C-alpha atoms as a PDB file:
ATOM      1  CA  MET A   1      83.854  19.476  -8.901  1.00  0.00           C
ATOM      2  CA  THR A   2      82.201  18.132 -11.918  1.00  0.00           C
ATOM      3  CA  GLU A   3      83.022  14.484 -11.015  1.00  0.00           C
ATOM      4  CA  GLU A   4      81.757  15.308  -7.583  1.00  0.00           C
ATOM      5  CA  LEU A   5      78.450  16.452  -9.241  1.00  0.00           C
ATOM      6  CA  ILE A   6      77.896  13.475 -11.529  1.00  0.00           C
ATOM      7  CA  GLN A   7      78.607  11.163  -8.478  1.00  0.00           C
ATOM      8  CA  ALA A   8      75.979  13.005  -6.616  1.00  0.00           C
ATOM      9  CA  VAL A   9      73.622  12.627  -9.657  1.00  0.00           C
ATOM     10  CA  GLU A  10      74.266   8.956 -10.291  1.00  0.00           C
ATOM     11  CA  GLU A  11      73.536   7.830  -6.695  1.00  0.00           C
ATOM     12  CA  SER A  12      70.318   9.796  -6.492  1.00  0.00           C
ATOM     13  CA  ALA A  13      69.437   9.012 -10.066  1.00  0.00           C
ATOM     14  CA  GLN A  14      69.914   5.482  -9.693  1.00  0.00           C
ATOM     15  CA  GLU A  15      67.470   4.864  -6.804  1.00  0.00           C
ATOM     16  CA  GLU A  16      64.884   6.747  -8.696  1.00  0.00           C
ATOM     17  CA  ILE A  17      65.277   5.109 -11.999  1.00  0.00           C
ATOM     18  CA  GLN A  18      63.688   1.936 -10.890  1.00  0.00           C
ATOM     19  CA  SER A  19      61.087   3.661  -9.175  1.00  0.00           C
ATOM     20  CA  ILE A  20      60.335   5.739 -12.147  1.00  0.00           C
ATOM     21  CA  ARG A  21      60.022   2.827 -14.406  1.00  0.00           C
ATOM     22  CA  GLU A  22      58.067   0.786 -12.154  1.00  0.00           C
ATOM     23  CA  HIS A  23      55.773   3.662 -11.735  1.00  0.00           C
ATOM     24  CA  ALA A  24      55.454   4.333 -15.468  1.00  0.00           C
ATOM     25  CA  ALA A  25      55.038   0.560 -16.256  1.00  0.00           C
ATOM     26  CA  GLU A  26      52.330   0.116 -13.647  1.00  0.00           C
ATOM     27  CA  GLN A  27      50.259   3.511 -14.811  1.00  0.00           C
ATOM     28  CA  ALA A  28      50.513   2.333 -18.325  1.00  0.00           C
ATOM     29  CA  ARG A  29      49.211  -1.205 -17.258  1.00  0.00           C
ATOM     30  CA  ARG A  30      46.472   0.161 -15.317  1.00  0.00           C
ATOM     31  CA  ILE A  31      45.370   2.471 -18.138  1.00  0.00           C
ATOM     32  CA  VAL A  32      45.351  -0.279 -20.558  1.00  0.00           C
ATOM     33  CA  GLU A  33      43.337  -2.433 -18.300  1.00  0.00           C
ATOM     34  CA  GLU A  34      40.734   0.347 -17.996  1.00  0.00           C
ATOM     35  CA  ALA A  35      40.578   0.772 -21.691  1.00  0.00           C
ATOM     36  CA  GLN A  36      40.193  -3.072 -22.139  1.00  0.00           C
ATOM     37  CA  ALA A  37      37.646  -3.175 -19.584  1.00  0.00           C
ATOM     38  CA  GLU A  38      35.850  -0.146 -21.297  1.00  0.00           C
ATOM     39  CA  GLY A  39      36.311  -2.111 -24.575  1.00  0.00           C
ATOM     40  CA  LEU A  40      34.707  -5.098 -23.162  1.00  0.00           C
ATOM     41  CA  LYS A  41      31.299  -3.111 -21.860  1.00  0.00           C
ATOM     42  CA  LEU A  42      31.176  -1.791 -25.459  1.00  0.00           C
ATOM     43  CA  LYS A  43      31.265  -4.919 -26.882  1.00  0.00           C
ATOM     44  CA  GLN A  44      28.644  -6.552 -24.457  1.00  0.00           C
ATOM     45  CA  HIS A  45      26.522  -3.762 -24.275  1.00  0.00           C
ATOM     46  CA  TYR A  46      26.587  -1.998 -27.236  1.00  0.00           C
ATOM     47  CA  PRO A  47      27.093  -4.147 -30.418  1.00  0.00           C
ATOM     48  CA  GLU A  48      26.936  -0.951 -32.509  1.00  0.00           C
ATOM     49  CA  TYR A  49      30.294   0.011 -31.249  1.00  0.00           C
ATOM     50  CA  TRP A  50      32.077  -3.376 -32.113  1.00  0.00           C
ATOM     51  CA  LYS A  51      33.317  -2.073 -35.225  1.00  0.00           C
ATOM     52  CA  ASN A  52      35.041   0.710 -33.456  1.00  0.00           C
ATOM     53  CA  LEU A  53      36.287  -1.022 -30.521  1.00  0.00           C
ATOM     54  CA  ALA A  54      39.701  -1.798 -31.791  1.00  0.00           C
ATOM     55  CA  ALA A  55      40.022   2.249 -32.675  1.00  0.00           C
ATOM     56  CA  VAL A  56      38.945   2.816 -29.322  1.00  0.00           C
ATOM     57  CA  GLU A  57      41.525   0.646 -27.577  1.00  0.00           C
ATOM     58  CA  ARG A  58      44.262   1.901 -29.878  1.00  0.00           C
ATOM     59  CA  THR A  59      43.307   5.602 -28.990  1.00  0.00           C
ATOM     60  CA  ALA A  60      43.455   4.494 -25.241  1.00  0.00           C
ATOM     61  CA  ILE A  61      46.766   2.951 -25.445  1.00  0.00           C
ATOM     62  CA  VAL A  62      48.181   5.866 -27.269  1.00  0.00           C
ATOM     63  CA  ALA A  63      47.149   8.303 -24.741  1.00  0.00           C
ATOM     64  CA  ALA A  64      48.191   6.241 -21.869  1.00  0.00           C
ATOM     65  CA  ARG A  65      51.421   5.700 -23.331  1.00  0.00           C
ATOM     66  CA  GLU A  66      51.588   9.799 -24.030  1.00  0.00           C
ATOM     67  CA  LYS A  67      50.632  10.531 -20.519  1.00  0.00           C
ATOM     68  CA  ALA A  68      53.176   7.926 -19.067  1.00  0.00           C
ATOM     69  CA  ARG A  69      55.966   9.463 -21.215  1.00  0.00           C
ATOM     70  CA  LEU A  70      55.224  12.895 -20.085  1.00  0.00           C
ATOM     71  CA  GLU A  71      54.710  12.062 -16.492  1.00  0.00           C
ATOM     72  CA  LEU A  72      58.118  10.295 -16.838  1.00  0.00           C
ATOM     73  CA  LEU A  73      59.745  13.279 -18.336  1.00  0.00           C
ATOM     74  CA  GLN A  74      58.276  15.539 -15.699  1.00  0.00           C
ATOM     75  CA  ILE A  75      59.760  13.194 -13.004  1.00  0.00           C
ATOM     76  CA  LYS A  76      63.012  13.271 -14.874  1.00  0.00           C
ATOM     77  CA  GLU A  77      63.015  17.294 -14.681  1.00  0.00           C
ATOM     78  CA  GLU A  78      62.155  17.289 -10.984  1.00  0.00           C
ATOM     79  CA  ILE A  79      65.263  14.925 -10.148  1.00  0.00           C
ATOM     80  CA  PHE A  80      67.454  17.080 -12.210  1.00  0.00           C
ATOM     81  CA  GLU A  81      66.465  19.955 -10.415  1.00  0.00           C
ATOM     82  CA  GLU A  82      66.691  18.268  -6.950  1.00  0.00           C
ATOM     83  CA  THR A  83      70.146  17.067  -7.815  1.00  0.00           C
ATOM     84  CA  PHE A  84      71.409  20.835  -8.256  1.00  0.00           C
ATOM     85  CA  CYS A  85      69.456  21.878  -5.274  1.00  0.00           C
ATOM     86  CA  ARG A  86      71.374  19.219  -3.278  1.00  0.00           C
ATOM     87  CA  ALA A  87      74.774  20.240  -4.991  1.00  0.00           C
ATOM     88  CA  GLU A  88      74.092  23.863  -4.251  1.00  0.00           C
ATOM     89  CA  GLU A  89      73.150  22.736  -0.358  1.00  0.00           C
ATOM     90  CA  GLU A  90      76.662  20.721  -0.248  1.00  0.00           C
ATOM     91  CA  LEU A  91      78.701  23.529  -1.705  1.00  0.00           C
ATOM     92  CA  VAL A  92      77.357  26.279   0.618  1.00  0.00           C
ATOM     93  CA  ALA A  93      79.936  24.600   3.323  1.00  0.00           C
ATOM     94  CA  PHE A  94      82.713  24.270   0.397  1.00  0.00           C
ATOM     95  CA  ARG A  95      84.694  27.336   1.822  1.00  0.00           C
ATOM     96  CA  ASP A  96      85.048  25.118   4.933  1.00  0.00           C
ATOM     97  CA  ARG A  97      86.663  22.207   3.234  1.00  0.00           C
ATOM     98  CA  PRO A  98      90.554  21.720   3.198  1.00  0.00           C
ATOM     99  CA  HIS A  99      90.890  21.940  -0.529  1.00  0.00           C
ATOM    100  CA  TYR A 100      88.999  25.063  -0.691  1.00  0.00           C
ATOM    101  CA  GLU A 101      92.224  27.171  -0.918  1.00  0.00           C
ATOM    102  CA  ASP A 102      93.324  25.056  -3.845  1.00  0.00           C
ATOM    103  CA  PHE A 103      90.084  25.695  -5.671  1.00  0.00           C
ATOM    104  CA  LEU A 104      90.044  29.438  -5.222  1.00  0.00           C
ATOM    105  CA  LYS A 105      93.753  29.674  -6.237  1.00  0.00           C
ATOM    106  CA  PHE A 106      92.646  27.539  -9.486  1.00  0.00           C
ATOM    107  CA  SER A 107      89.727  30.136  -9.776  1.00  0.00           C
ATOM    108  CA  ILE A 108      91.864  33.151  -9.470  1.00  0.00           C
ATOM    109  CA  LEU A 109      94.385  31.746 -12.223  1.00  0.00           C
ATOM    110  CA  GLU A 110      91.653  30.720 -14.588  1.00  0.00           C
ATOM    111  CA  ALA A 111      89.962  33.906 -14.209  1.00  0.00           C
ATOM    112  CA  LEU A 112      93.313  35.973 -14.740  1.00  0.00           C
ATOM    113  CA  ALA A 113      93.942  33.769 -17.868  1.00  0.00           C
ATOM    114  CA  GLU A 114      90.699  35.125 -19.345  1.00  0.00           C
ATOM    115  CA  LEU A 115      92.091  38.530 -18.905  1.00  0.00           C
ATOM    116  CA  ASP A 116      95.285  38.043 -20.806  1.00  0.00           C
ATOM    117  CA  GLY A 117      97.619  39.343 -18.404  1.00  0.00           C
ATOM    118  CA  ALA A 118      95.841  42.561 -17.830  1.00  0.00           C
ATOM    119  CA  SER A 119      95.969  44.047 -14.427  1.00  0.00           C
ATOM    120  CA  ALA A 120      92.957  43.208 -12.641  1.00  0.00           C
ATOM    121  CA  HIS A 121      90.232  43.936  -9.992  1.00  0.00           C
ATOM    122  CA  LEU A 122      89.366  40.497  -8.089  1.00  0.00           C
ATOM    123  CA  HIS A 123      85.866  40.610  -6.747  1.00  0.00           C
ATOM    124  CA  VAL A 124      85.540  38.152  -3.928  1.00  0.00           C
ATOM    125  CA  ASP A 125      83.392  37.427  -0.987  1.00  0.00           C
ATOM    126  CA  CYS A 126      84.660  39.246   2.255  1.00  0.00           C
ATOM    127  CA  ARG A 127      85.246  35.678   3.682  1.00  0.00           C
ATOM    128  CA  ASP A 128      87.765  35.119   1.125  1.00  0.00           C
ATOM    129  CA  GLU A 129      89.517  38.460   1.021  1.00  0.00           C
ATOM    130  CA  ALA A 130      92.546  37.300   3.292  1.00  0.00           C
ATOM    131  CA  LEU A 131      92.886  33.840   1.639  1.00  0.00           C
ATOM    132  CA  CYS A 132      92.822  35.714  -1.521  1.00  0.00           C
ATOM    133  CA  THR A 133      95.400  38.274  -0.439  1.00  0.00           C
ATOM    134  CA  GLY A 134      97.574  35.119   0.760  1.00  0.00           C
ATOM    135  CA  ILE A 135      97.145  33.471  -2.954  1.00  0.00           C
ATOM    136  CA  LEU A 136      98.350  36.534  -4.981  1.00  0.00           C
ATOM    137  CA  LYS A 137     101.264  36.953  -2.387  1.00  0.00           C
ATOM    138  CA  ASP A 138     102.483  33.266  -3.067  1.00  0.00           C
ATOM    139  CA  LEU A 139     101.968  33.601  -6.652  1.00  0.00           C
ATOM    140  CA  ASN A 140     103.826  36.825  -6.774  1.00  0.00           C
ATOM    141  CA  GLN A 141     100.967  38.875  -8.322  1.00  0.00           C
ATOM    142  CA  ARG A 142      99.666  42.230  -7.812  1.00  0.00           C
ATOM    143  CA  HIS A 143      95.869  42.912  -8.494  1.00  0.00           C
ATOM    144  CA  THR A 144      93.236  44.936  -6.511  1.00  0.00           C
ATOM    145  CA  ILE A 145      91.254  42.508  -4.434  1.00  0.00           C
ATOM    146  CA  VAL A 146      87.603  44.023  -3.757  1.00  0.00           C
ATOM    147  CA  ALA A 147      85.726  42.315  -1.173  1.00  0.00           C
ATOM    148  CA  ASP A 148      81.966  43.292  -2.607  1.00  0.00           C
ATOM    149  CA  ILE A 149      80.167  39.995  -3.697  1.00  0.00           C
ATOM    150  CA  GLU A 150      78.388  37.377  -1.878  1.00  0.00           C
ATOM    151  CA  SER A 151      79.237  33.958  -2.944  1.00  0.00           C
ATOM    152  CA  MET A 152      79.686  30.276  -2.275  1.00  0.00           C
ATOM    153  CA  GLY A 153      83.049  30.919  -3.088  1.00  0.00           C
ATOM    154  CA  GLY A 154      85.358  31.758  -6.200  1.00  0.00           C
ATOM    155  CA  VAL A 155      86.160  35.101  -7.940  1.00  0.00           C
ATOM    156  CA  ILE A 156      84.950  37.591 -10.430  1.00  0.00           C
ATOM    157  CA  ALA A 157      88.067  39.085 -12.193  1.00  0.00           C
ATOM    158  CA  SER A 158      87.949  42.165 -14.140  1.00  0.00           C
ATOM    159  CA  THR A 159      90.218  44.421 -16.037  1.00  0.00           C
ATOM    160  CA  THR A 160      90.517  47.774 -14.289  1.00  0.00           C
ATOM    161  CA  ASP A 161      88.162  49.367 -17.055  1.00  0.00           C
ATOM    162  CA  GLU A 162      85.720  46.589 -16.873  1.00  0.00           C
ATOM    163  CA  SER A 163      85.978  45.688 -20.516  1.00  0.00           C
ATOM    164  CA  VAL A 164      86.758  42.223 -19.761  1.00  0.00           C
ATOM    165  CA  ILE A 165      84.919  40.249 -17.041  1.00  0.00           C
ATOM    166  CA  ALA A 166      85.481  36.692 -15.945  1.00  0.00           C
ATOM    167  CA  LYS A 167      82.975  35.311 -13.772  1.00  0.00           C
ATOM    168  CA  ASN A 168      84.444  32.203 -11.943  1.00  0.00           C
ATOM    169  CA  THR A 169      82.202  31.847  -8.834  1.00  0.00           C
ATOM    170  CA  ILE A 170      81.102  28.554  -7.487  1.00  0.00           C
ATOM    171  CA  GLU A 171      77.581  29.808  -8.680  1.00  0.00           C
ATOM    172  CA  THR A 172      78.706  30.487 -12.350  1.00  0.00           C
ATOM    173  CA  ARG A 173      80.561  27.260 -12.561  1.00  0.00           C
ATOM    174  CA  LEU A 174      77.200  25.418 -11.388  1.00  0.00           C
ATOM    175  CA  LYS A 175      75.222  27.171 -13.759  1.00  0.00           C
ATOM    176  CA  ARG A 176      77.503  26.528 -16.816  1.00  0.00           C
ATOM    177  CA  SER A 177      77.757  22.909 -15.586  1.00  0.00           C
ATOM    178  CA  ARG A 178      73.986  22.741 -15.401  1.00  0.00           C
ATOM    179  CA  GLU A 179      73.487  22.985 -19.096  1.00  0.00           C
ATOM    180  CA  VAL A 180      76.204  20.791 -20.026  1.00  0.00           C
ATOM    181  CA  LEU A 181      75.330  18.098 -17.664  1.00  0.00           C
ATOM    182  CA  ARG A 182      71.611  18.057 -18.545  1.00  0.00           C
ATOM    183  CA  LYS A 183      72.017  15.779 -21.339  1.00  0.00           C
ATOM    184  CA  GLU A 184      74.140  13.291 -19.522  1.00  0.00           C
ATOM    185  CA  ILE A 185      71.969  13.218 -16.308  1.00  0.00           C
ATOM    186  CA  PHE A 186      69.045  12.647 -18.584  1.00  0.00           C
ATOM    187  CA  SER A 187      70.923   9.755 -20.339  1.00  0.00           C
ATOM    188  CA  ILE A 188      71.626   8.307 -16.932  1.00  0.00           C
ATOM    189  CA  LEU A 189      67.936   8.554 -15.930  1.00  0.00           C
ATOM    190  CA  ASP A 190      67.232   6.867 -19.277  1.00  0.00           C
ATOM    191  CA  GLY A 191      69.655   3.793 -18.006  1.00  0.00           C
ATOM    192  CA  GLY A 192      72.184   4.725 -20.489  1.00  0.00           C
END
């Protein structure tokens, strides 16, 4: 699932990277030109500002670079958010894909492993109740299935006394992936 997410990120990010760079370079160039034009005006019309012209130009250039850097950072954040929104949109239909049963089985086994073999309640979406029952039968495992959550898929396993809870739904996996992938996505957006 992480590979699919990275693939989606790379595809959408590559298109945006060039646009971001061109936009930032154009803005920086325009701001520098404006600063230079302003400096030329000062030079021609206000001789008393001649000594301060270099400082004004440097200040304008620094301000332009900082503005471009902040805009680029904002654009990166928007791309990051858009990527995860698209991933969520695609994952809504994940349950209908042929390999969803394998994912659910893996989610169940992974969540049960966190409970160290304890008897468990498996909280699932009502759309997964029958599939979960079949998976447990195939695994020769006996746990209580509770269809009491709304989810794009996956399972929340808990010990019967709920002292240990293992959340392994698509939503929780996406949330965990979000923070892990943030650095990697920003690196891709930086051209790395």
